[in-house]
Each structure stands twice: as C-alpha cells, then as structure tokens.
Amino acid sequence: MDTSQLLDLFSPAEGATMKKEAASKEDEKAAGTGKLSQVLQNLEELWDEAQYEEAFNIDNFVSSLSK
C-alpha cells in the first residue's frame, strides 16, 4: 500500500478530495488533454542523425578551443 493511500485512511474528507483529483487526472490522460500531449504537440521536428553528429562532434569542439 502506498504511503498516500495509508494516510487517506486517517483523513476521510481529504481522501475523497484526493480521489476526485486523481480521477480527473486519469480522465485527462485518457482524453489526451494533459500536459504531456500539449508538450508533444509543440515539439519541433527532430534532427537527422547526421545533423546531431555534425553539431556535437567532439573533434570540431576541440579544434574550436584551440583557435
């Protein structure tokens, strides 16, 4: 049993409120209206592997330090 569930046993009014909040969060997740879906919609397109290799090439970085 989770600690929060155990504490809910001793505070029935707060436990009912927490259960309602948890249920609404689960409904949001099921509907796709939560924060995660908003973040995913606002993500830009990912780079190709070659773009990552060029941008984060350690040799290029080291040579830029010596200039």
C-alpha atoms as a PDB file:
ATOM      1  CA  MET A   1       0.000   0.000   0.000  1.00  0.00           C
ATOM      2  CA  ASP A   2       1.310   3.439  -0.956  1.00  0.00           C
ATOM      3  CA  THR A   3       2.015   5.966   1.814  1.00  0.00           C
ATOM      4  CA  SER A   4      -0.555   8.405   0.459  1.00  0.00           C
ATOM      5  CA  GLN A   5      -3.163   5.656   0.450  1.00  0.00           C
ATOM      6  CA  LEU A   6      -2.339   4.858   4.048  1.00  0.00           C
ATOM      7  CA  LEU A   7      -2.688   8.499   5.075  1.00  0.00           C
ATOM      8  CA  ASP A   8      -6.012   8.704   3.245  1.00  0.00           C
ATOM      9  CA  LEU A   9      -7.388   6.136   5.673  1.00  0.00           C
ATOM     10  CA  PHE A  10      -6.956   8.598   8.543  1.00  0.00           C
ATOM     11  CA  SER A  11      -8.369  11.668   6.795  1.00  0.00           C
ATOM     12  CA  PRO A  12     -11.622  10.744   5.027  1.00  0.00           C
ATOM     13  CA  ALA A  13     -12.509  14.266   3.824  1.00  0.00           C
ATOM     14  CA  GLU A  14      -9.108  14.871   2.274  1.00  0.00           C
ATOM     15  CA  GLY A  15      -9.001  11.336   0.911  1.00  0.00           C
ATOM     16  CA  ALA A  16     -12.237  11.835  -1.005  1.00  0.00           C
ATOM     17  CA  THR A  17     -10.926  15.090  -2.492  1.00  0.00           C
ATOM     18  CA  MET A  18      -7.664  13.449  -3.487  1.00  0.00           C
ATOM     19  CA  LYS A  19      -9.511  10.562  -5.110  1.00  0.00           C
ATOM     20  CA  LYS A  20     -11.588  13.017  -7.162  1.00  0.00           C
ATOM     21  CA  GLU A  21      -8.437  14.874  -8.246  1.00  0.00           C
ATOM     22  CA  ALA A  22      -6.735  11.607  -9.191  1.00  0.00           C
ATOM     23  CA  ALA A  23      -9.789  10.527 -11.180  1.00  0.00           C
ATOM     24  CA  SER A  24      -9.865  13.831 -13.073  1.00  0.00           C
ATOM     25  CA  LYS A  25      -6.148  13.493 -13.859  1.00  0.00           C
ATOM     26  CA  GLU A  26      -6.731   9.979 -15.181  1.00  0.00           C
ATOM     27  CA  ASP A  27      -9.599  11.278 -17.313  1.00  0.00           C
ATOM     28  CA  GLU A  28      -7.291  13.957 -18.742  1.00  0.00           C
ATOM     29  CA  LYS A  29      -4.686  11.329 -19.558  1.00  0.00           C
ATOM     30  CA  ALA A  30      -7.245   9.145 -21.264  1.00  0.00           C
ATOM     31  CA  ALA A  31      -8.602  12.064 -23.274  1.00  0.00           C
ATOM     32  CA  GLY A  32      -5.118  13.248 -24.232  1.00  0.00           C
ATOM     33  CA  THR A  33      -5.650  16.720 -22.801  1.00  0.00           C
ATOM     34  CA  GLY A  34      -2.914  16.575 -20.173  1.00  0.00           C
ATOM     35  CA  LYS A  35       0.370  18.423 -20.116  1.00  0.00           C
ATOM     36  CA  LEU A  36       2.205  15.641 -21.929  1.00  0.00           C
ATOM     37  CA  SER A  37       0.022  15.826 -25.015  1.00  0.00           C
ATOM     38  CA  GLN A  38       0.425  19.625 -25.076  1.00  0.00           C
ATOM     39  CA  VAL A  39       4.193  19.281 -24.926  1.00  0.00           C
ATOM     40  CA  LEU A  40       4.242  16.670 -27.682  1.00  0.00           C
ATOM     41  CA  GLN A  41       2.121  18.861 -29.945  1.00  0.00           C
ATOM     42  CA  ASN A  42       4.524  21.786 -29.521  1.00  0.00           C
ATOM     43  CA  LEU A  43       7.700  19.834 -30.245  1.00  0.00           C
ATOM     44  CA  GLU A  44       9.589  20.693 -33.364  1.00  0.00           C
ATOM     45  CA  GLU A  45      10.700  18.032 -35.803  1.00  0.00           C
ATOM     46  CA  LEU A  46      13.696  16.039 -34.600  1.00  0.00           C
ATOM     47  CA  TRP A  47      17.049  16.303 -36.343  1.00  0.00           C
ATOM     48  CA  ASP A  48      18.513  13.616 -38.563  1.00  0.00           C
ATOM     49  CA  GLU A  49      21.338  11.556 -37.088  1.00  0.00           C
ATOM     50  CA  ALA A  50      23.851  13.320 -39.371  1.00  0.00           C
ATOM     51  CA  GLN A  51      22.808  16.719 -38.032  1.00  0.00           C
ATOM     52  CA  TYR A  52      23.462  15.570 -34.466  1.00  0.00           C
ATOM     53  CA  GLU A  53      26.847  14.152 -35.425  1.00  0.00           C
ATOM     54  CA  GLU A  54      27.854  17.405 -37.105  1.00  0.00           C
ATOM     55  CA  ALA A  55      26.570  19.700 -34.345  1.00  0.00           C
ATOM     56  CA  PHE A  56      28.009  17.693 -31.453  1.00  0.00           C
ATOM     57  CA  ASN A  57      31.238  16.442 -32.995  1.00  0.00           C
ATOM     58  CA  ILE A  58      33.939  16.421 -30.295  1.00  0.00           C
ATOM     59  CA  ASP A  59      36.722  16.993 -32.839  1.00  0.00           C
ATOM     60  CA  ASN A  60      35.080  20.216 -34.035  1.00  0.00           C
ATOM     61  CA  PHE A  61      34.646  21.329 -30.444  1.00  0.00           C
ATOM     62  CA  VAL A  62      38.266  20.687 -29.506  1.00  0.00           C
ATOM     63  CA  SER A  63      39.534  22.466 -32.620  1.00  0.00           C
ATOM     64  CA  SER A  64      37.362  25.491 -31.810  1.00  0.00           C
ATOM     65  CA  LEU A  65      39.009  25.686 -28.362  1.00  0.00           C
ATOM     66  CA  SER A  66      42.498  25.921 -29.802  1.00  0.00           C
ATOM     67  CA  LYS A  67      41.650  28.908 -32.054  1.00  0.00           C
END
